[in-house]
Every structure is written in structure tokens, then in C-alpha cells.
Amino acid sequence: MWKKLLIVVSVIGAAAFIAKKVKDANDERALWHEATTAPDLR
């Protein structure tokens, strides 16, 4: 039983880590996009 619980906790931890990395990458890309696009001066 403990082995199954450890595997489930490990999978959940890995999924959370990957989700955080993806979110951070998306935030970084959005920031660079905002910083490098010309301002709309209309």
C-alpha cells in the first residue's frame, strides 16, 4: 500500500513541477512579447 501511495504522490509532484515550468515559460514569453512589440500610439 505504501508503495502505491508513494508512486501517486511522486506522479502528482512531477505534474505540479511540470505545470509550474510551463506556466513560467508562458509568462516569460508574454513578457518578452510585450517588451519587444512596438507601442500602439494611435
PDB file of N, CA and C in Angstrom:
ATOM      1  N   MET A   1       0.823  -1.200   0.000  1.00  0.00           N
ATOM      2  CA  MET A   1       0.000   0.000   0.000  1.00  0.00           C
ATOM      3  C   MET A   1       0.867   1.266   0.000  1.00  0.00           C
ATOM      4  N   TRP A   2       1.907   1.288   0.821  1.00  0.00           N
ATOM      5  CA  TRP A   2       2.747   2.477   0.898  1.00  0.00           C
ATOM      6  C   TRP A   2       3.460   2.744  -0.411  1.00  0.00           C
ATOM      7  N   LYS A   3       3.781   1.659  -1.109  1.00  0.00           N
ATOM      8  CA  LYS A   3       4.465   1.816  -2.382  1.00  0.00           C
ATOM      9  C   LYS A   3       3.552   2.516  -3.389  1.00  0.00           C
ATOM     10  N   LYS A   4       2.277   2.135  -3.425  1.00  0.00           N
ATOM     11  CA  LYS A   4       1.318   2.770  -4.333  1.00  0.00           C
ATOM     12  C   LYS A   4       1.129   4.238  -3.960  1.00  0.00           C
ATOM     13  N   LEU A   5       1.035   4.510  -2.674  1.00  0.00           N
ATOM     14  CA  LEU A   5       0.858   5.889  -2.218  1.00  0.00           C
ATOM     15  C   LEU A   5       2.068   6.737  -2.601  1.00  0.00           C
ATOM     16  N   LEU A   6       3.253   6.179  -2.444  1.00  0.00           N
ATOM     17  CA  LEU A   6       4.472   6.904  -2.808  1.00  0.00           C
ATOM     18  C   LEU A   6       4.508   7.188  -4.307  1.00  0.00           C
ATOM     19  N   ILE A   7       4.087   6.227  -5.112  1.00  0.00           N
ATOM     20  CA  ILE A   7       4.056   6.427  -6.562  1.00  0.00           C
ATOM     21  C   ILE A   7       3.056   7.518  -6.926  1.00  0.00           C
ATOM     22  N   VAL A   8       1.877   7.500  -6.322  1.00  0.00           N
ATOM     23  CA  VAL A   8       0.862   8.519  -6.608  1.00  0.00           C
ATOM     24  C   VAL A   8       1.360   9.901  -6.211  1.00  0.00           C
ATOM     25  N   VAL A   9       1.969  10.008  -5.047  1.00  0.00           N
ATOM     26  CA  VAL A   9       2.495  11.299  -4.591  1.00  0.00           C
ATOM     27  C   VAL A   9       3.609  11.783  -5.522  1.00  0.00           C
ATOM     28  N   SER A  10       4.443  10.871  -5.975  1.00  0.00           N
ATOM     29  CA  SER A  10       5.517  11.245  -6.901  1.00  0.00           C
ATOM     30  C   SER A  10       4.959  11.748  -8.230  1.00  0.00           C
ATOM     31  N   VAL A  11       3.940  11.075  -8.737  1.00  0.00           N
ATOM     32  CA  VAL A  11       3.331  11.498 -10.003  1.00  0.00           C
ATOM     33  C   VAL A  11       2.689  12.873  -9.846  1.00  0.00           C
ATOM     34  N   ILE A  12       1.999  13.088  -8.749  1.00  0.00           N
ATOM     35  CA  ILE A  12       1.363  14.393  -8.513  1.00  0.00           C
ATOM     36  C   ILE A  12       2.419  15.487  -8.378  1.00  0.00           C
ATOM     37  N   GLY A  13       3.498  15.195  -7.679  1.00  0.00           N
ATOM     38  CA  GLY A  13       4.581  16.169  -7.532  1.00  0.00           C
ATOM     39  C   GLY A  13       5.224  16.506  -8.868  1.00  0.00           C
ATOM     40  N   ALA A  14       5.457  15.487  -9.694  1.00  0.00           N
ATOM     41  CA  ALA A  14       6.054  15.721 -11.009  1.00  0.00           C
ATOM     42  C   ALA A  14       5.118  16.546 -11.883  1.00  0.00           C
ATOM     43  N   ALA A  15       3.821  16.248 -11.832  1.00  0.00           N
ATOM     44  CA  ALA A  15       2.849  17.004 -12.634  1.00  0.00           C
ATOM     45  C   ALA A  15       2.811  18.468 -12.190  1.00  0.00           C
ATOM     46  N   ALA A  16       2.848  18.704 -10.893  1.00  0.00           N
ATOM     47  CA  ALA A  16       2.843  20.082 -10.384  1.00  0.00           C
ATOM     48  C   ALA A  16       4.110  20.820 -10.820  1.00  0.00           C
ATOM     49  N   PHE A  17       5.259  20.143 -10.777  1.00  0.00           N
ATOM     50  CA  PHE A  17       6.524  20.750 -11.190  1.00  0.00           C
ATOM     51  C   PHE A  17       6.485  21.115 -12.675  1.00  0.00           C
ATOM     52  N   ILE A  18       5.995  20.194 -13.495  1.00  0.00           N
ATOM     53  CA  ILE A  18       5.918  20.451 -14.939  1.00  0.00           C
ATOM     54  C   ILE A  18       4.942  21.586 -15.223  1.00  0.00           C
ATOM     55  N   ALA A  19       3.802  21.602 -14.528  1.00  0.00           N
ATOM     56  CA  ALA A  19       2.816  22.670 -14.741  1.00  0.00           C
ATOM     57  C   ALA A  19       3.413  24.030 -14.379  1.00  0.00           C
ATOM     58  N   LYS A  20       4.181  24.090 -13.303  1.00  0.00           N
ATOM     59  CA  LYS A  20       4.818  25.357 -12.907  1.00  0.00           C
ATOM     60  C   LYS A  20       5.833  25.800 -13.960  1.00  0.00           C
ATOM     61  N   LYS A  21       6.631  24.863 -14.470  1.00  0.00           N
ATOM     62  CA  LYS A  21       7.611  25.208 -15.505  1.00  0.00           C
ATOM     63  C   LYS A  21       6.922  25.742 -16.758  1.00  0.00           C
ATOM     64  N   VAL A  22       5.825  25.106 -17.173  1.00  0.00           N
ATOM     65  CA  VAL A  22       5.097  25.547 -18.362  1.00  0.00           C
ATOM     66  C   VAL A  22       4.515  26.940 -18.132  1.00  0.00           C
ATOM     67  N   LYS A  23       3.932  27.166 -16.954  1.00  0.00           N
ATOM     68  CA  LYS A  23       3.356  28.483 -16.647  1.00  0.00           C
ATOM     69  C   LYS A  23       4.445  29.556 -16.641  1.00  0.00           C
ATOM     70  N   ASP A  24       5.580  29.254 -16.034  1.00  0.00           N
ATOM     71  CA  ASP A  24       6.688  30.216 -16.008  1.00  0.00           C
ATOM     72  C   ASP A  24       7.186  30.532 -17.417  1.00  0.00           C
ATOM     73  N   ALA A  25       7.266  29.522 -18.258  1.00  0.00           N
ATOM     74  CA  ALA A  25       7.715  29.739 -19.640  1.00  0.00           C
ATOM     75  C   ALA A  25       6.713  30.605 -20.394  1.00  0.00           C
ATOM     76  N   ASN A  26       5.425  30.360 -20.195  1.00  0.00           N
ATOM     77  CA  ASN A  26       4.404  31.170 -20.864  1.00  0.00           C
ATOM     78  C   ASN A  26       4.440  32.621 -20.381  1.00  0.00           C
ATOM     79  N   ASP A  27       4.623  32.803 -19.074  1.00  0.00           N
ATOM     80  CA  ASP A  27       4.712  34.161 -18.527  1.00  0.00           C
ATOM     81  C   ASP A  27       5.938  34.891 -19.092  1.00  0.00           C
ATOM     82  N   GLU A  28       7.053  34.189 -19.173  1.00  0.00           N
ATOM     83  CA  GLU A  28       8.277  34.794 -19.705  1.00  0.00           C
ATOM     84  C   GLU A  28       8.090  35.181 -21.172  1.00  0.00           C
ATOM     85  N   ARG A  29       7.470  34.304 -21.950  1.00  0.00           N
ATOM     86  CA  ARG A  29       7.233  34.587 -23.370  1.00  0.00           C
ATOM     87  C   ARG A  29       6.299  35.794 -23.524  1.00  0.00           C
ATOM     88  N   ALA A  30       5.268  35.876 -22.696  1.00  0.00           N
ATOM     89  CA  ALA A  30       4.340  37.009 -22.765  1.00  0.00           C
ATOM     90  C   ALA A  30       5.056  38.310 -22.404  1.00  0.00           C
ATOM     91  N   LEU A  31       5.927  38.244 -21.417  1.00  0.00           N
ATOM     92  CA  LEU A  31       6.671  39.436 -21.015  1.00  0.00           C
ATOM     93  C   LEU A  31       7.590  39.905 -22.134  1.00  0.00           C
ATOM     94  N   TRP A  32       8.304  38.976 -22.777  1.00  0.00           N
ATOM     95  CA  TRP A  32       9.178  39.349 -23.890  1.00  0.00           C
ATOM     96  C   TRP A  32       8.365  39.903 -25.054  1.00  0.00           C
ATOM     97  N   HIS A  33       7.208  39.328 -25.301  1.00  0.00           N
ATOM     98  CA  HIS A  33       6.366  39.822 -26.392  1.00  0.00           C
ATOM     99  C   HIS A  33       5.945  41.263 -26.118  1.00  0.00           C
ATOM    100  N   GLU A  34       5.542  41.521 -24.888  1.00  0.00           N
ATOM    101  CA  GLU A  34       5.122  42.874 -24.517  1.00  0.00           C
ATOM    102  C   GLU A  34       6.289  43.848 -24.608  1.00  0.00           C
ATOM    103  N   ALA A  35       7.478  43.406 -24.213  1.00  0.00           N
ATOM    104  CA  ALA A  35       8.643  44.298 -24.183  1.00  0.00           C
ATOM    105  C   ALA A  35       9.189  44.571 -25.572  1.00  0.00           C
ATOM    106  N   THR A  36       8.976  43.687 -26.529  1.00  0.00           N
ATOM    107  CA  THR A  36       9.607  43.840 -27.834  1.00  0.00           C
ATOM    108  C   THR A  36       8.658  44.280 -28.930  1.00  0.00           C
ATOM    109  N   THR A  37       7.365  44.408 -28.646  1.00  0.00           N
ATOM    110  CA  THR A  37       6.437  44.896 -29.672  1.00  0.00           C
ATOM    111  C   THR A  37       6.368  46.415 -29.598  1.00  0.00           C
ATOM    112  N   ALA A  38       6.147  47.004 -30.732  1.00  0.00           N
ATOM    113  CA  ALA A  38       6.047  48.464 -30.795  1.00  0.00           C
ATOM    114  C   ALA A  38       4.771  48.919 -30.084  1.00  0.00           C
ATOM    115  N   PRO A  39       4.846  50.025 -29.384  1.00  0.00           N
ATOM    116  CA  PRO A  39       3.640  50.510 -28.716  1.00  0.00           C
ATOM    117  C   PRO A  39       2.607  50.996 -29.725  1.00  0.00           C
ATOM    118  N   ASP A  40       1.368  50.848 -29.350  1.00  0.00           N
ATOM    119  CA  ASP A  40       0.263  51.300 -30.206  1.00  0.00           C
ATOM    120  C   ASP A  40      -0.001  52.768 -29.885  1.00  0.00           C
ATOM    121  N   LEU A  41       0.443  53.652 -30.764  1.00  0.00           N
ATOM    122  CA  LEU A  41       0.348  55.097 -30.495  1.00  0.00           C
ATOM    123  C   LEU A  41      -0.810  55.758 -31.237  1.00  0.00           C
ATOM    124  N   ARG A  42      -1.854  55.009 -31.511  1.00  0.00           N
ATOM    125  CA  ARG A  42      -2.975  55.592 -32.218  1.00  0.00           C
ATOM    126  C   ARG A  42      -3.767  56.525 -31.362  1.00  0.00           C
TER     127      ARG A  42
END
